[in-house]
Amino acid sequence: MTQIDLDATGLLCPLPVLKAAKQLKAMETGQRLCLRADDPAAVVDVPHFCSQAGHTLVSSNEADGVQTYLIEKG
């Protein structure tokens, strides 16, 4: 399965979600996007975006102030 990495660290809301949306649009159903962000709002924005857009949030975790989200395109 193809996975694409997207580093959105240093970007503030709504840019991490907008960049993820743009990347996911170019991907095929079933592909996965690994999004890294350090915006505190991302912990709310990313899961909400996934549910609204029909993508699956496979996992999320945080280490050293950086959140990592694994999103499968729906």
N, C-alpha and C. Protein backbone atom coordinates (compact mmCIF):
# COMPACT_ATOMS: atom_id res chain seq x y z
N MET A 1 0.85 -1.19 0.00
CA MET A 1 0.00 0.00 0.00
C MET A 1 0.89 1.24 0.00
N THR A 2 0.55 2.17 -0.83
CA THR A 2 1.32 3.40 -0.96
C THR A 2 1.02 4.33 0.21
N GLN A 3 2.07 4.90 0.79
CA GLN A 3 1.90 5.89 1.84
C GLN A 3 2.66 7.15 1.43
N ILE A 4 2.02 8.28 1.61
CA ILE A 4 2.65 9.56 1.29
C ILE A 4 2.82 10.32 2.59
N ASP A 5 3.99 10.94 2.77
CA ASP A 5 4.28 11.72 3.96
C ASP A 5 4.07 13.20 3.66
N LEU A 6 3.43 13.90 4.61
CA LEU A 6 3.20 15.33 4.48
C LEU A 6 3.59 15.99 5.79
N ASP A 7 4.58 16.86 5.74
CA ASP A 7 5.04 17.57 6.93
C ASP A 7 4.39 18.94 6.97
N ALA A 8 3.47 19.13 7.92
CA ALA A 8 2.78 20.41 8.08
C ALA A 8 3.20 21.08 9.39
N THR A 9 4.36 20.69 9.91
CA THR A 9 4.83 21.33 11.13
C THR A 9 5.17 22.79 10.84
N GLY A 10 4.90 23.63 11.81
CA GLY A 10 5.16 25.06 11.65
C GLY A 10 3.99 25.81 11.03
N LEU A 11 2.96 25.09 10.59
CA LEU A 11 1.80 25.73 9.98
C LEU A 11 0.65 25.78 10.99
N LEU A 12 -0.11 26.86 10.95
CA LEU A 12 -1.22 27.02 11.86
C LEU A 12 -2.55 26.80 11.15
N CYS A 13 -3.57 26.50 11.95
CA CYS A 13 -4.93 26.29 11.46
C CYS A 13 -5.33 27.42 10.52
N PRO A 14 -5.89 27.11 9.38
CA PRO A 14 -6.37 25.80 8.91
C PRO A 14 -5.40 25.12 7.94
N LEU A 15 -4.16 25.61 7.84
CA LEU A 15 -3.24 25.12 6.81
C LEU A 15 -2.94 23.62 6.87
N PRO A 16 -2.71 23.01 8.05
CA PRO A 16 -2.46 21.56 8.03
C PRO A 16 -3.59 20.76 7.38
N VAL A 17 -4.83 21.12 7.71
CA VAL A 17 -5.98 20.40 7.12
C VAL A 17 -6.12 20.72 5.64
N LEU A 18 -5.90 21.97 5.26
CA LEU A 18 -6.00 22.34 3.84
C LEU A 18 -4.96 21.62 3.00
N LYS A 19 -3.74 21.52 3.52
CA LYS A 19 -2.68 20.81 2.78
C LYS A 19 -2.99 19.32 2.70
N ALA A 20 -3.52 18.75 3.79
CA ALA A 20 -3.90 17.34 3.78
C ALA A 20 -5.02 17.10 2.76
N ALA A 21 -6.01 17.99 2.74
CA ALA A 21 -7.13 17.84 1.81
C ALA A 21 -6.64 17.89 0.37
N LYS A 22 -5.74 18.81 0.08
CA LYS A 22 -5.20 18.94 -1.28
C LYS A 22 -4.44 17.67 -1.68
N GLN A 23 -3.63 17.15 -0.76
CA GLN A 23 -2.85 15.94 -1.05
C GLN A 23 -3.78 14.75 -1.24
N LEU A 24 -4.77 14.60 -0.36
CA LEU A 24 -5.69 13.47 -0.45
C LEU A 24 -6.48 13.49 -1.75
N LYS A 25 -6.80 14.67 -2.22
CA LYS A 25 -7.56 14.80 -3.47
C LYS A 25 -6.79 14.18 -4.64
N ALA A 26 -5.47 14.28 -4.59
CA ALA A 26 -4.63 13.76 -5.67
C ALA A 26 -4.33 12.26 -5.52
N MET A 27 -4.78 11.68 -4.42
CA MET A 27 -4.47 10.28 -4.13
C MET A 27 -5.64 9.38 -4.54
N GLU A 28 -5.36 8.08 -4.60
CA GLU A 28 -6.39 7.11 -4.93
C GLU A 28 -6.99 6.53 -3.65
N THR A 29 -8.25 6.11 -3.73
CA THR A 29 -8.93 5.49 -2.59
C THR A 29 -8.09 4.34 -2.06
N GLY A 30 -7.93 4.31 -0.73
CA GLY A 30 -7.16 3.26 -0.10
C GLY A 30 -5.72 3.64 0.19
N GLN A 31 -5.21 4.65 -0.49
CA GLN A 31 -3.85 5.11 -0.20
C GLN A 31 -3.85 5.80 1.16
N ARG A 32 -2.68 5.85 1.78
CA ARG A 32 -2.57 6.44 3.10
C ARG A 32 -1.66 7.66 3.10
N LEU A 33 -2.06 8.62 3.92
CA LEU A 33 -1.30 9.85 4.10
C LEU A 33 -0.84 9.91 5.55
N CYS A 34 0.45 10.11 5.74
CA CYS A 34 1.01 10.32 7.07
C CYS A 34 1.24 11.82 7.23
N LEU A 35 0.42 12.46 8.05
CA LEU A 35 0.46 13.90 8.25
C LEU A 35 1.11 14.21 9.59
N ARG A 36 2.11 15.08 9.57
CA ARG A 36 2.74 15.56 10.80
C ARG A 36 2.39 17.03 10.98
N ALA A 37 1.96 17.38 12.19
CA ALA A 37 1.58 18.76 12.48
C ALA A 37 1.90 19.08 13.94
N ASP A 38 2.18 20.35 14.19
CA ASP A 38 2.42 20.76 15.58
C ASP A 38 1.45 21.86 16.02
N ASP A 39 0.43 22.11 15.21
CA ASP A 39 -0.60 23.08 15.56
C ASP A 39 -1.52 22.45 16.61
N PRO A 40 -1.68 23.09 17.78
CA PRO A 40 -2.55 22.51 18.82
C PRO A 40 -3.98 22.26 18.34
N ALA A 41 -4.47 23.03 17.40
CA ALA A 41 -5.84 22.85 16.90
C ALA A 41 -5.98 21.59 16.06
N ALA A 42 -4.88 21.03 15.59
CA ALA A 42 -4.94 19.84 14.71
C ALA A 42 -5.58 18.65 15.41
N VAL A 43 -5.45 18.56 16.73
CA VAL A 43 -6.03 17.41 17.44
C VAL A 43 -7.54 17.38 17.32
N VAL A 44 -8.17 18.53 17.08
CA VAL A 44 -9.60 18.61 16.84
C VAL A 44 -9.89 18.64 15.35
N ASP A 45 -9.11 19.43 14.61
CA ASP A 45 -9.37 19.66 13.19
C ASP A 45 -9.20 18.41 12.33
N VAL A 46 -8.15 17.64 12.55
CA VAL A 46 -7.87 16.50 11.68
C VAL A 46 -8.94 15.40 11.80
N PRO A 47 -9.29 14.97 13.02
CA PRO A 47 -10.36 13.96 13.12
C PRO A 47 -11.69 14.46 12.54
N HIS A 48 -12.01 15.73 12.77
CA HIS A 48 -13.25 16.30 12.24
C HIS A 48 -13.22 16.31 10.71
N PHE A 49 -12.10 16.74 10.14
CA PHE A 49 -11.94 16.74 8.69
C PHE A 49 -12.13 15.34 8.12
N CYS A 50 -11.50 14.34 8.74
CA CYS A 50 -11.60 12.97 8.24
C CYS A 50 -13.04 12.49 8.23
N SER A 51 -13.76 12.73 9.32
CA SER A 51 -15.14 12.25 9.38
C SER A 51 -16.03 13.00 8.39
N GLN A 52 -15.80 14.27 8.20
CA GLN A 52 -16.60 15.06 7.27
C GLN A 52 -16.31 14.69 5.81
N ALA A 53 -15.05 14.39 5.51
CA ALA A 53 -14.65 14.14 4.13
C ALA A 53 -14.73 12.67 3.73
N GLY A 54 -15.04 11.79 4.69
CA GLY A 54 -15.18 10.38 4.36
C GLY A 54 -13.88 9.60 4.35
N HIS A 55 -12.85 10.14 5.01
CA HIS A 55 -11.57 9.44 5.13
C HIS A 55 -11.51 8.73 6.48
N THR A 56 -10.63 7.75 6.60
CA THR A 56 -10.49 7.01 7.85
C THR A 56 -9.23 7.46 8.57
N LEU A 57 -9.39 7.89 9.82
CA LEU A 57 -8.23 8.20 10.65
C LEU A 57 -7.77 6.89 11.26
N VAL A 58 -6.72 6.31 10.68
CA VAL A 58 -6.24 4.99 11.08
C VAL A 58 -5.57 5.06 12.45
N SER A 59 -4.77 6.09 12.67
CA SER A 59 -4.09 6.25 13.95
C SER A 59 -3.67 7.70 14.14
N SER A 60 -3.44 8.04 15.40
CA SER A 60 -2.90 9.35 15.73
C SER A 60 -2.09 9.21 17.00
N ASN A 61 -0.98 9.91 17.05
CA ASN A 61 -0.17 9.92 18.26
C ASN A 61 0.61 11.22 18.33
N GLU A 62 1.20 11.47 19.49
CA GLU A 62 1.96 12.69 19.68
C GLU A 62 3.27 12.36 20.38
N ALA A 63 4.34 12.97 19.92
CA ALA A 63 5.66 12.83 20.54
C ALA A 63 6.42 14.13 20.36
N ASP A 64 6.94 14.64 21.45
CA ASP A 64 7.75 15.86 21.42
C ASP A 64 7.01 17.03 20.77
N GLY A 65 5.71 17.14 21.04
CA GLY A 65 4.93 18.27 20.54
C GLY A 65 4.50 18.17 19.09
N VAL A 66 4.79 17.04 18.45
CA VAL A 66 4.38 16.85 17.05
C VAL A 66 3.37 15.71 17.00
N GLN A 67 2.22 16.00 16.39
CA GLN A 67 1.20 14.97 16.22
C GLN A 67 1.42 14.31 14.86
N THR A 68 1.20 13.01 14.82
CA THR A 68 1.29 12.24 13.59
C THR A 68 -0.03 11.54 13.36
N TYR A 69 -0.61 11.77 12.18
CA TYR A 69 -1.90 11.20 11.83
C TYR A 69 -1.73 10.31 10.60
N LEU A 70 -2.27 9.11 10.66
CA LEU A 70 -2.28 8.23 9.51
C LEU A 70 -3.71 8.20 8.99
N ILE A 71 -3.89 8.72 7.77
CA ILE A 71 -5.23 8.89 7.18
C ILE A 71 -5.32 8.02 5.94
N GLU A 72 -6.36 7.22 5.86
CA GLU A 72 -6.62 6.42 4.66
C GLU A 72 -7.71 7.11 3.85
N LYS A 73 -7.41 7.35 2.57
CA LYS A 73 -8.37 8.03 1.72
C LYS A 73 -9.60 7.15 1.52
N GLY A 74 -10.77 7.77 1.73
CA GLY A 74 -12.03 7.06 1.57
C GLY A 74 -12.61 7.25 0.19
